[in-house]
PDB file of all heavy atoms in Angstrom:
ATOM      1  N   SER A   1       1.187  -8.838  -5.849  1.00  0.00           N
ATOM      2  CA  SER A   1       2.094  -7.746  -5.494  1.00  0.00           C
ATOM      3  C   SER A   1       1.759  -6.562  -6.392  1.00  0.00           C
ATOM      4  O   SER A   1       0.928  -6.663  -7.295  1.00  0.00           O
ATOM      5  CB  SER A   1       3.548  -8.179  -5.684  1.00  0.00           C
ATOM      6  OG  SER A   1       3.799  -8.412  -7.052  1.00  0.00           O
ATOM      7  N   SER A   2       2.424  -5.450  -6.159  1.00  0.00           N
ATOM      8  CA  SER A   2       2.189  -4.264  -6.994  1.00  0.00           C
ATOM      9  C   SER A   2       2.480  -4.545  -8.457  1.00  0.00           C
ATOM     10  O   SER A   2       1.848  -3.982  -9.346  1.00  0.00           O
ATOM     11  CB  SER A   2       3.050  -3.093  -6.509  1.00  0.00           C
ATOM     12  OG  SER A   2       2.604  -2.681  -5.245  1.00  0.00           O
ATOM     13  N   ASP A   3       3.436  -5.433  -8.720  1.00  0.00           N
ATOM     14  CA  ASP A   3       3.791  -5.758 -10.101  1.00  0.00           C
ATOM     15  C   ASP A   3       2.661  -6.466 -10.836  1.00  0.00           C
ATOM     16  O   ASP A   3       2.581  -6.397 -12.058  1.00  0.00           O
ATOM     17  CB  ASP A   3       5.039  -6.643 -10.139  1.00  0.00           C
ATOM     18  CG  ASP A   3       6.243  -5.958  -9.534  1.00  0.00           C
ATOM     19  OD1 ASP A   3       6.254  -4.708  -9.469  1.00  0.00           O
ATOM     20  OD2 ASP A   3       7.167  -6.670  -9.109  1.00  0.00           O
ATOM     21  N   THR A   4       1.795  -7.169 -10.113  1.00  0.00           N
ATOM     22  CA  THR A   4       0.721  -7.918 -10.765  1.00  0.00           C
ATOM     23  C   THR A   4      -0.562  -7.104 -10.932  1.00  0.00           C
ATOM     24  O   THR A   4      -1.472  -7.549 -11.613  1.00  0.00           O
ATOM     25  CB  THR A   4       0.398  -9.206  -9.983  1.00  0.00           C
ATOM     26  OG1 THR A   4      -0.019  -8.852  -8.668  1.00  0.00           O
ATOM     27  CG2 THR A   4       1.602 -10.131  -9.921  1.00  0.00           C
ATOM     28  N   LEU A   5      -0.642  -5.927 -10.309  1.00  0.00           N
ATOM     29  CA  LEU A   5      -1.823  -5.073 -10.435  1.00  0.00           C
ATOM     30  C   LEU A   5      -1.629  -4.055 -11.560  1.00  0.00           C
ATOM     31  O   LEU A   5      -0.525  -3.542 -11.748  1.00  0.00           O
ATOM     32  CB  LEU A   5      -2.075  -4.312  -9.128  1.00  0.00           C
ATOM     33  CG  LEU A   5      -2.494  -5.135  -7.922  1.00  0.00           C
ATOM     34  CD1 LEU A   5      -2.586  -4.244  -6.694  1.00  0.00           C
ATOM     35  CD2 LEU A   5      -3.823  -5.813  -8.171  1.00  0.00           C
ATOM     36  N   PRO A   6      -2.688  -3.729 -12.277  1.00  0.00           N
ATOM     37  CA  PRO A   6      -2.568  -2.664 -13.289  1.00  0.00           C
ATOM     38  C   PRO A   6      -2.239  -1.329 -12.629  1.00  0.00           C
ATOM     39  O   PRO A   6      -2.670  -1.064 -11.502  1.00  0.00           O
ATOM     40  CB  PRO A   6      -3.958  -2.614 -13.928  1.00  0.00           C
ATOM     41  CG  PRO A   6      -4.659  -3.853 -13.498  1.00  0.00           C
ATOM     42  CD  PRO A   6      -4.006  -4.336 -12.245  1.00  0.00           C
ATOM     43  N   ARG A   7      -1.485  -0.497 -13.300  1.00  0.00           N
ATOM     44  CA  ARG A   7      -1.101   0.807 -12.727  1.00  0.00           C
ATOM     45  C   ARG A   7      -2.322   1.672 -12.404  1.00  0.00           C
ATOM     46  O   ARG A   7      -2.292   2.480 -11.500  1.00  0.00           O
ATOM     47  CB  ARG A   7      -0.194   1.557 -13.701  1.00  0.00           C
ATOM     48  CG  ARG A   7       1.143   0.884 -13.884  1.00  0.00           C
ATOM     49  CD  ARG A   7       2.260   1.883 -13.650  1.00  0.00           C
ATOM     50  NE  ARG A   7       3.547   1.282 -13.887  1.00  0.00           N
ATOM     51  CZ  ARG A   7       4.293   0.789 -12.918  1.00  0.00           C
ATOM     52  NH1 ARG A   7       3.888   0.848 -11.688  1.00  0.00           N
ATOM     53  NH2 ARG A   7       5.458   0.250 -13.195  1.00  0.00           N
ATOM     54  N   ARG A   8      -3.406   1.491 -13.162  1.00  0.00           N
ATOM     55  CA  ARG A   8      -4.605   2.306 -12.941  1.00  0.00           C
ATOM     56  C   ARG A   8      -5.516   1.737 -11.863  1.00  0.00           C
ATOM     57  O   ARG A   8      -6.573   2.293 -11.591  1.00  0.00           O
ATOM     58  CB  ARG A   8      -5.388   2.445 -14.246  1.00  0.00           C
ATOM     59  CG  ARG A   8      -4.635   3.260 -15.280  1.00  0.00           C
ATOM     60  CD  ARG A   8      -5.475   3.458 -16.512  1.00  0.00           C
ATOM     61  NE  ARG A   8      -5.648   2.158 -17.173  1.00  0.00           N
ATOM     62  CZ  ARG A   8      -6.660   1.845 -17.964  1.00  0.00           C
ATOM     63  NH1 ARG A   8      -7.594   2.715 -18.209  1.00  0.00           N
ATOM     64  NH2 ARG A   8      -6.733   0.654 -18.526  1.00  0.00           N
ATOM     65  N   PHE A   9      -5.132   0.622 -11.249  1.00  0.00           N
ATOM     66  CA  PHE A   9      -5.944   0.039 -10.184  1.00  0.00           C
ATOM     67  C   PHE A   9      -6.067   1.064  -9.060  1.00  0.00           C
ATOM     68  O   PHE A   9      -5.076   1.696  -8.685  1.00  0.00           O
ATOM     69  CB  PHE A   9      -5.298  -1.267  -9.693  1.00  0.00           C
ATOM     70  CG  PHE A   9      -6.211  -2.113  -8.872  1.00  0.00           C
ATOM     71  CD1 PHE A   9      -7.228  -2.830  -9.479  1.00  0.00           C
ATOM     72  CD2 PHE A   9      -6.063  -2.185  -7.500  1.00  0.00           C
ATOM     73  CE1 PHE A   9      -8.087  -3.620  -8.731  1.00  0.00           C
ATOM     74  CE2 PHE A   9      -6.919  -2.969  -6.739  1.00  0.00           C
ATOM     75  CZ  PHE A   9      -7.934  -3.691  -7.351  1.00  0.00           C
ATOM     76  N   PRO A  10      -7.261   1.263  -8.480  1.00  0.00           N
ATOM     77  CA  PRO A  10      -7.450   2.358  -7.521  1.00  0.00           C
ATOM     78  C   PRO A  10      -6.622   2.281  -6.240  1.00  0.00           C
ATOM     79  O   PRO A  10      -6.296   3.300  -5.657  1.00  0.00           O
ATOM     80  CB  PRO A  10      -8.942   2.314  -7.196  1.00  0.00           C
ATOM     81  CG  PRO A  10      -9.447   1.033  -7.732  1.00  0.00           C
ATOM     82  CD  PRO A  10      -8.471   0.530  -8.744  1.00  0.00           C
ATOM     83  N   ILE A  11      -6.253   1.077  -5.803  1.00  0.00           N
ATOM     84  CA  ILE A  11      -5.450   0.943  -4.583  1.00  0.00           C
ATOM     85  C   ILE A  11      -4.180   0.180  -4.925  1.00  0.00           C
ATOM     86  O   ILE A  11      -4.241  -0.984  -5.317  1.00  0.00           O
ATOM     87  CB  ILE A  11      -6.223   0.210  -3.480  1.00  0.00           C
ATOM     88  CG1 ILE A  11      -7.483   0.976  -3.103  1.00  0.00           C
ATOM     89  CG2 ILE A  11      -5.342   0.014  -2.250  1.00  0.00           C
ATOM     90  CD1 ILE A  11      -8.368   0.250  -2.115  1.00  0.00           C
ATOM     91  N   GLN A  12      -3.040   0.819  -4.775  1.00  0.00           N
ATOM     92  CA  GLN A  12      -1.762   0.151  -4.983  1.00  0.00           C
ATOM     93  C   GLN A  12      -1.326  -0.481  -3.659  1.00  0.00           C
ATOM     94  O   GLN A  12      -1.677   0.000  -2.585  1.00  0.00           O
ATOM     95  CB  GLN A  12      -0.708   1.135  -5.494  1.00  0.00           C
ATOM     96  CG  GLN A  12      -0.990   1.631  -6.901  1.00  0.00           C
ATOM     97  CD  GLN A  12      -0.996   0.501  -7.923  1.00  0.00           C
ATOM     98  OE1 GLN A  12      -0.110  -0.334  -7.940  1.00  0.00           O
ATOM     99  NE2 GLN A  12      -2.033   0.453  -8.743  1.00  0.00           N
ATOM    100  N   LEU A  13      -0.571  -1.555  -3.746  1.00  0.00           N
ATOM    101  CA  LEU A  13      -0.150  -2.292  -2.556  1.00  0.00           C
ATOM    102  C   LEU A  13       1.088  -1.651  -1.947  1.00  0.00           C
ATOM    103  O   LEU A  13       2.212  -2.118  -2.115  1.00  0.00           O
ATOM    104  CB  LEU A  13       0.104  -3.761  -2.904  1.00  0.00           C
ATOM    105  CG  LEU A  13      -1.152  -4.558  -3.198  1.00  0.00           C
ATOM    106  CD1 LEU A  13      -0.791  -5.966  -3.629  1.00  0.00           C
ATOM    107  CD2 LEU A  13      -2.062  -4.594  -1.994  1.00  0.00           C
ATOM    108  N   ARG A  14       0.842  -0.565  -1.235  1.00  0.00           N
ATOM    109  CA  ARG A  14       1.893   0.131  -0.491  1.00  0.00           C
ATOM    110  C   ARG A  14       1.302   0.520   0.858  1.00  0.00           C
ATOM    111  O   ARG A  14       0.103   0.714   0.988  1.00  0.00           O
ATOM    112  CB  ARG A  14       2.399   1.357  -1.249  1.00  0.00           C
ATOM    113  CG  ARG A  14       3.038   0.999  -2.593  1.00  0.00           C
ATOM    114  CD  ARG A  14       3.831   2.157  -3.177  1.00  0.00           C
ATOM    115  NE  ARG A  14       5.051   2.458  -2.445  1.00  0.00           N
ATOM    116  CZ  ARG A  14       6.205   1.795  -2.559  1.00  0.00           C
ATOM    117  NH1 ARG A  14       6.293   0.754  -3.351  1.00  0.00           N
ATOM    118  NH2 ARG A  14       7.253   2.176  -1.881  1.00  0.00           N
ATOM    119  N   THR A  15       2.158   0.636   1.856  1.00  0.00           N
ATOM    120  CA  THR A  15       1.658   0.944   3.200  1.00  0.00           C
ATOM    121  C   THR A  15       0.945   2.293   3.244  1.00  0.00           C
ATOM    122  O   THR A  15      -0.009   2.453   3.997  1.00  0.00           O
ATOM    123  CB  THR A  15       2.797   0.922   4.237  1.00  0.00           C
ATOM    124  OG1 THR A  15       3.847   1.786   3.799  1.00  0.00           O
ATOM    125  CG2 THR A  15       3.327  -0.482   4.434  1.00  0.00           C
ATOM    126  N   LYS A  16       1.372   3.263   2.434  1.00  0.00           N
ATOM    127  CA  LYS A  16       0.703   4.570   2.467  1.00  0.00           C
ATOM    128  C   LYS A  16      -0.732   4.471   1.952  1.00  0.00           C
ATOM    129  O   LYS A  16      -1.602   5.202   2.399  1.00  0.00           O
ATOM    130  CB  LYS A  16       1.495   5.621   1.685  1.00  0.00           C
ATOM    131  CG  LYS A  16       1.500   5.435   0.197  1.00  0.00           C
ATOM    132  CD  LYS A  16       2.273   6.554  -0.484  1.00  0.00           C
ATOM    133  CE  LYS A  16       2.254   6.357  -1.992  1.00  0.00           C
ATOM    134  NZ  LYS A  16       2.984   7.427  -2.664  1.00  0.00           N
ATOM    135  N   ASN A  17      -1.006   3.546   1.023  1.00  0.00           N
ATOM    136  CA  ASN A  17      -2.363   3.360   0.532  1.00  0.00           C
ATOM    137  C   ASN A  17      -3.214   2.548   1.489  1.00  0.00           C
ATOM    138  O   ASN A  17      -4.435   2.695   1.520  1.00  0.00           O
ATOM    139  CB  ASN A  17      -2.351   2.686  -0.841  1.00  0.00           C
ATOM    140  CG  ASN A  17      -1.574   3.487  -1.849  1.00  0.00           C
ATOM    141  OD1 ASN A  17      -0.434   3.171  -2.125  1.00  0.00           O
ATOM    142  ND2 ASN A  17      -2.177   4.537  -2.370  1.00  0.00           N
ATOM    143  N   MET A  18      -2.618   1.659   2.258  1.00  0.00           N
ATOM    144  CA  MET A  18      -3.349   0.842   3.218  1.00  0.00           C
ATOM    145  C   MET A  18      -3.575   1.586   4.525  1.00  0.00           C
ATOM    146  O   MET A  18      -4.281   1.095   5.400  1.00  0.00           O
ATOM    147  CB  MET A  18      -2.597  -0.466   3.505  1.00  0.00           C
ATOM    148  CG  MET A  18      -2.511  -1.388   2.328  1.00  0.00           C
ATOM    149  SD  MET A  18      -4.141  -1.964   1.881  1.00  0.00           S
ATOM    150  CE  MET A  18      -3.826  -2.544   0.245  1.00  0.00           C
ATOM    151  N   GLY A  19      -3.003   2.770   4.649  1.00  0.00           N
ATOM    152  CA  GLY A  19      -3.173   3.571   5.855  1.00  0.00           C
ATOM    153  C   GLY A  19      -4.625   3.917   6.133  1.00  0.00           C
ATOM    154  O   GLY A  19      -4.998   4.168   7.271  1.00  0.00           O
ATOM    155  N   LEU A  20      -5.461   3.943   5.104  1.00  0.00           N
ATOM    156  CA  LEU A  20      -6.886   4.190   5.309  1.00  0.00           C
ATOM    157  C   LEU A  20      -7.524   3.077   6.128  1.00  0.00           C
ATOM    158  O   LEU A  20      -8.429   3.305   6.921  1.00  0.00           O
ATOM    159  CB  LEU A  20      -7.600   4.282   3.951  1.00  0.00           C
ATOM    160  CG  LEU A  20      -7.183   5.410   3.035  1.00  0.00           C
ATOM    161  CD1 LEU A  20      -7.782   5.217   1.656  1.00  0.00           C
ATOM    162  CD2 LEU A  20      -7.623   6.729   3.623  1.00  0.00           C
ATOM    163  N   PHE A  21      -7.052   1.854   5.934  1.00  0.00           N
ATOM    164  CA  PHE A  21      -7.616   0.695   6.618  1.00  0.00           C
ATOM    165  C   PHE A  21      -6.882   0.374   7.909  1.00  0.00           C
ATOM    166  O   PHE A  21      -7.489  -0.038   8.883  1.00  0.00           O
ATOM    167  CB  PHE A  21      -7.575  -0.532   5.699  1.00  0.00           C
ATOM    168  CG  PHE A  21      -8.164  -0.277   4.339  1.00  0.00           C
ATOM    169  CD1 PHE A  21      -7.353  -0.179   3.236  1.00  0.00           C
ATOM    170  CD2 PHE A  21      -9.527  -0.113   4.185  1.00  0.00           C
ATOM    171  CE1 PHE A  21      -7.891   0.064   1.988  1.00  0.00           C
ATOM    172  CE2 PHE A  21     -10.075   0.135   2.944  1.00  0.00           C
ATOM    173  CZ  PHE A  21      -9.248   0.225   1.834  1.00  0.00           C
ATOM    174  N   VAL A  22      -5.550   0.511   7.886  1.00  0.00           N
ATOM    175  CA  VAL A  22      -4.712   0.204   9.049  1.00  0.00           C
ATOM    176  C   VAL A  22      -3.699   1.345   9.218  1.00  0.00           C
ATOM    177  O   VAL A  22      -2.593   1.299   8.675  1.00  0.00           O
ATOM    178  CB  VAL A  22      -3.970  -1.147   8.855  1.00  0.00           C
ATOM    179  CG1 VAL A  22      -3.236  -1.538  10.123  1.00  0.00           C
ATOM    180  CG2 VAL A  22      -4.913  -2.245   8.436  1.00  0.00           C
ATOM    181  N   PRO A  23      -4.061   2.402   9.949  1.00  0.00           N
ATOM    182  CA  PRO A  23      -3.178   3.580  10.068  1.00  0.00           C
ATOM    183  C   PRO A  23      -1.784   3.277  10.629  1.00  0.00           C
ATOM    184  O   PRO A  23      -0.815   3.942  10.261  1.00  0.00           O
ATOM    185  CB  PRO A  23      -3.942   4.510  11.016  1.00  0.00           C
ATOM    186  CG  PRO A  23      -5.354   4.038  10.975  1.00  0.00           C
ATOM    187  CD  PRO A  23      -5.315   2.571  10.648  1.00  0.00           C
ATOM    188  N   GLN A  24      -1.648   2.251  11.462  1.00  0.00           N
ATOM    189  CA  GLN A  24      -0.358   1.941  12.078  1.00  0.00           C
ATOM    190  C   GLN A  24       0.664   1.480  11.035  1.00  0.00           C
ATOM    191  O   GLN A  24       1.867   1.610  11.243  1.00  0.00           O
ATOM    192  CB  GLN A  24      -0.503   0.862  13.150  1.00  0.00           C
ATOM    193  CG  GLN A  24      -1.366   1.248  14.312  1.00  0.00           C
ATOM    194  CD  GLN A  24      -2.850   0.970  14.051  1.00  0.00           C
ATOM    195  OE1 GLN A  24      -3.268   0.650  12.947  1.00  0.00           O
ATOM    196  NE2 GLN A  24      -3.657   1.128  15.085  1.00  0.00           N
ATOM    197  N   LEU A  25       0.224   0.928   9.929  1.00  0.00           N
ATOM    198  CA  LEU A  25       1.168   0.443   8.911  1.00  0.00           C
ATOM    199  C   LEU A  25       2.043   1.562   8.378  1.00  0.00           C
ATOM    200  O   LEU A  25       3.249   1.409   8.243  1.00  0.00           O
ATOM    201  CB  LEU A  25       0.413  -0.206   7.736  1.00  0.00           C
ATOM    202  CG  LEU A  25      -0.024  -1.628   7.920  1.00  0.00           C
ATOM    203  CD1 LEU A  25      -0.768  -2.110   6.686  1.00  0.00           C
ATOM    204  CD2 LEU A  25       1.139  -2.538   8.209  1.00  0.00           C
ATOM    205  N   GLN A  26       1.444   2.695   8.050  1.00  0.00           N
ATOM    206  CA  GLN A  26       2.213   3.818   7.514  1.00  0.00           C
ATOM    207  C   GLN A  26       3.170   4.371   8.565  1.00  0.00           C
ATOM    208  O   GLN A  26       4.270   4.799   8.238  1.00  0.00           O
ATOM    209  CB  GLN A  26       1.259   4.913   7.009  1.00  0.00           C
ATOM    210  CG  GLN A  26       1.936   6.164   6.522  1.00  0.00           C
ATOM    211  CD  GLN A  26       2.892   5.951   5.343  1.00  0.00           C
ATOM    212  OE1 GLN A  26       2.873   4.924   4.668  1.00  0.00           O
ATOM    213  NE2 GLN A  26       3.743   6.920   5.116  1.00  0.00           N
ATOM    214  N   GLU A  27       2.762   4.343   9.829  1.00  0.00           N
ATOM    215  CA  GLU A  27       3.633   4.834  10.900  1.00  0.00           C
ATOM    216  C   GLU A  27       4.837   3.909  11.105  1.00  0.00           C
ATOM    217  O   GLU A  27       5.970   4.362  11.246  1.00  0.00           O
ATOM    218  CB  GLU A  27       2.852   4.948  12.208  1.00  0.00           C
ATOM    219  CG  GLU A  27       1.752   5.984  12.172  1.00  0.00           C
ATOM    220  CD  GLU A  27       0.826   5.890  13.378  1.00  0.00           C
ATOM    221  OE1 GLU A  27       1.180   5.200  14.367  1.00  0.00           O
ATOM    222  OE2 GLU A  27      -0.252   6.493  13.326  1.00  0.00           O
ATOM    223  N   LEU A  28       4.596   2.607  11.124  1.00  0.00           N
ATOM    224  CA  LEU A  28       5.668   1.639  11.365  1.00  0.00           C
ATOM    225  C   LEU A  28       6.562   1.425  10.143  1.00  0.00           C
ATOM    226  O   LEU A  28       7.773   1.240  10.280  1.00  0.00           O
ATOM    227  CB  LEU A  28       5.080   0.292  11.802  1.00  0.00           C
ATOM    228  CG  LEU A  28       4.380   0.269  13.148  1.00  0.00           C
ATOM    229  CD1 LEU A  28       3.662  -1.065  13.346  1.00  0.00           C
ATOM    230  CD2 LEU A  28       5.380   0.512  14.270  1.00  0.00           C
ATOM    231  N   TYR A  29       5.958   1.412   8.957  1.00  0.00           N
ATOM    232  CA  TYR A  29       6.684   1.111   7.716  1.00  0.00           C
ATOM    233  C   TYR A  29       6.318   2.153   6.655  1.00  0.00           C
ATOM    234  O   TYR A  29       5.488   1.893   5.783  1.00  0.00           O
ATOM    235  CB  TYR A  29       6.338  -0.289   7.207  1.00  0.00           C
ATOM    236  CG  TYR A  29       6.504  -1.369   8.243  1.00  0.00           C
ATOM    237  CD1 TYR A  29       5.403  -1.912   8.897  1.00  0.00           C
ATOM    238  CD2 TYR A  29       7.765  -1.857   8.568  1.00  0.00           C
ATOM    239  CE1 TYR A  29       5.551  -2.900   9.841  1.00  0.00           C
ATOM    240  CE2 TYR A  29       7.920  -2.852   9.511  1.00  0.00           C
ATOM    241  CZ  TYR A  29       6.814  -3.368  10.144  1.00  0.00           C
ATOM    242  OH  TYR A  29       6.961  -4.360  11.090  1.00  0.00           O
ATOM    243  N   PRO A  30       6.925   3.349   6.711  1.00  0.00           N
ATOM    244  CA  PRO A  30       6.535   4.413   5.771  1.00  0.00           C
ATOM    245  C   PRO A  30       6.781   4.031   4.311  1.00  0.00           C
ATOM    246  O   PRO A  30       7.879   3.650   3.929  1.00  0.00           O
ATOM    247  CB  PRO A  30       7.410   5.597   6.174  1.00  0.00           C
ATOM    248  CG  PRO A  30       8.021   5.241   7.479  1.00  0.00           C
ATOM    249  CD  PRO A  30       7.954   3.757   7.628  1.00  0.00           C
ATOM    250  N   ASP A  31       5.740   4.110   3.519  1.00  0.00           N
ATOM    251  CA  ASP A  31       5.761   3.918   2.065  1.00  0.00           C
ATOM    252  C   ASP A  31       6.543   2.685   1.616  1.00  0.00           C
ATOM    253  O   ASP A  31       7.389   2.759   0.726  1.00  0.00           O
ATOM    254  CB  ASP A  31       6.278   5.178   1.374  1.00  0.00           C
ATOM    255  CG  ASP A  31       5.890   5.197  -0.096  1.00  0.00           C
ATOM    256  OD1 ASP A  31       4.896   4.542  -0.467  1.00  0.00           O
ATOM    257  OD2 ASP A  31       6.584   5.860  -0.880  1.00  0.00           O
ATOM    258  N   ARG A  32       6.240   1.550   2.220  1.00  0.00           N
ATOM    259  CA  ARG A  32       6.876   0.283   1.838  1.00  0.00           C
ATOM    260  C   ARG A  32       5.931  -0.515   0.946  1.00  0.00           C
ATOM    261  O   ARG A  32       4.708  -0.431   1.085  1.00  0.00           O
ATOM    262  CB  ARG A  32       7.207  -0.571   3.074  1.00  0.00           C
ATOM    263  CG  ARG A  32       8.217   0.021   4.022  1.00  0.00           C
ATOM    264  CD  ARG A  32       9.599   0.213   3.465  1.00  0.00           C
ATOM    265  NE  ARG A  32      10.041  -0.912   2.661  1.00  0.00           N
ATOM    266  CZ  ARG A  32      10.907  -0.814   1.659  1.00  0.00           C
ATOM    267  NH1 ARG A  32      11.415   0.344   1.323  1.00  0.00           N
ATOM    268  NH2 ARG A  32      11.261  -1.886   0.986  1.00  0.00           N
ATOM    269  N   PRO A  33       6.473  -1.323   0.026  1.00  0.00           N
ATOM    270  CA  PRO A  33       5.614  -2.187  -0.781  1.00  0.00           C
ATOM    271  C   PRO A  33       5.008  -3.299   0.069  1.00  0.00           C
ATOM    272  O   PRO A  33       5.555  -3.665   1.113  1.00  0.00           O
ATOM    273  CB  PRO A  33       6.566  -2.747  -1.833  1.00  0.00           C
ATOM    274  CG  PRO A  33       7.928  -2.568  -1.295  1.00  0.00           C
ATOM    275  CD  PRO A  33       7.892  -1.420  -0.338  1.00  0.00           C
ATOM    276  N   MET A  34       3.876  -3.806  -0.419  1.00  0.00           N
ATOM    277  CA  MET A  34       3.179  -4.874   0.288  1.00  0.00           C
ATOM    278  C   MET A  34       2.855  -5.997  -0.686  1.00  0.00           C
ATOM    279  O   MET A  34       2.868  -5.804  -1.898  1.00  0.00           O
ATOM    280  CB  MET A  34       1.881  -4.348   0.918  1.00  0.00           C
ATOM    281  CG  MET A  34       2.108  -3.289   1.983  1.00  0.00           C
ATOM    282  SD  MET A  34       0.568  -2.801   2.779  1.00  0.00           S
ATOM    283  CE  MET A  34       0.181  -4.287   3.707  1.00  0.00           C
ATOM    284  N   GLU A  35       2.562  -7.163  -0.138  1.00  0.00           N
ATOM    285  CA  GLU A  35       2.110  -8.314  -0.916  1.00  0.00           C
ATOM    286  C   GLU A  35       0.895  -8.908  -0.228  1.00  0.00           C
ATOM    287  O   GLU A  35       0.753  -8.809   0.990  1.00  0.00           O
ATOM    288  CB  GLU A  35       3.200  -9.380  -1.010  1.00  0.00           C
ATOM    289  CG  GLU A  35       4.382  -8.975  -1.842  1.00  0.00           C
ATOM    290  CD  GLU A  35       5.438 -10.072  -1.944  1.00  0.00           C
ATOM    291  OE1 GLU A  35       5.212 -11.163  -1.379  1.00  0.00           O
ATOM    292  OE2 GLU A  35       6.460  -9.824  -2.571  1.00  0.00           O
TER     293      GLU A  35
END
């Protein structure tokens, strides 16, 4: 989860960051945490 990743890790586990790979995630679940 985001809690287990270092803050400086380049990709945080949030839907807005995964939008590059899966654009529908940000549309369906704006800025939600991911695991």
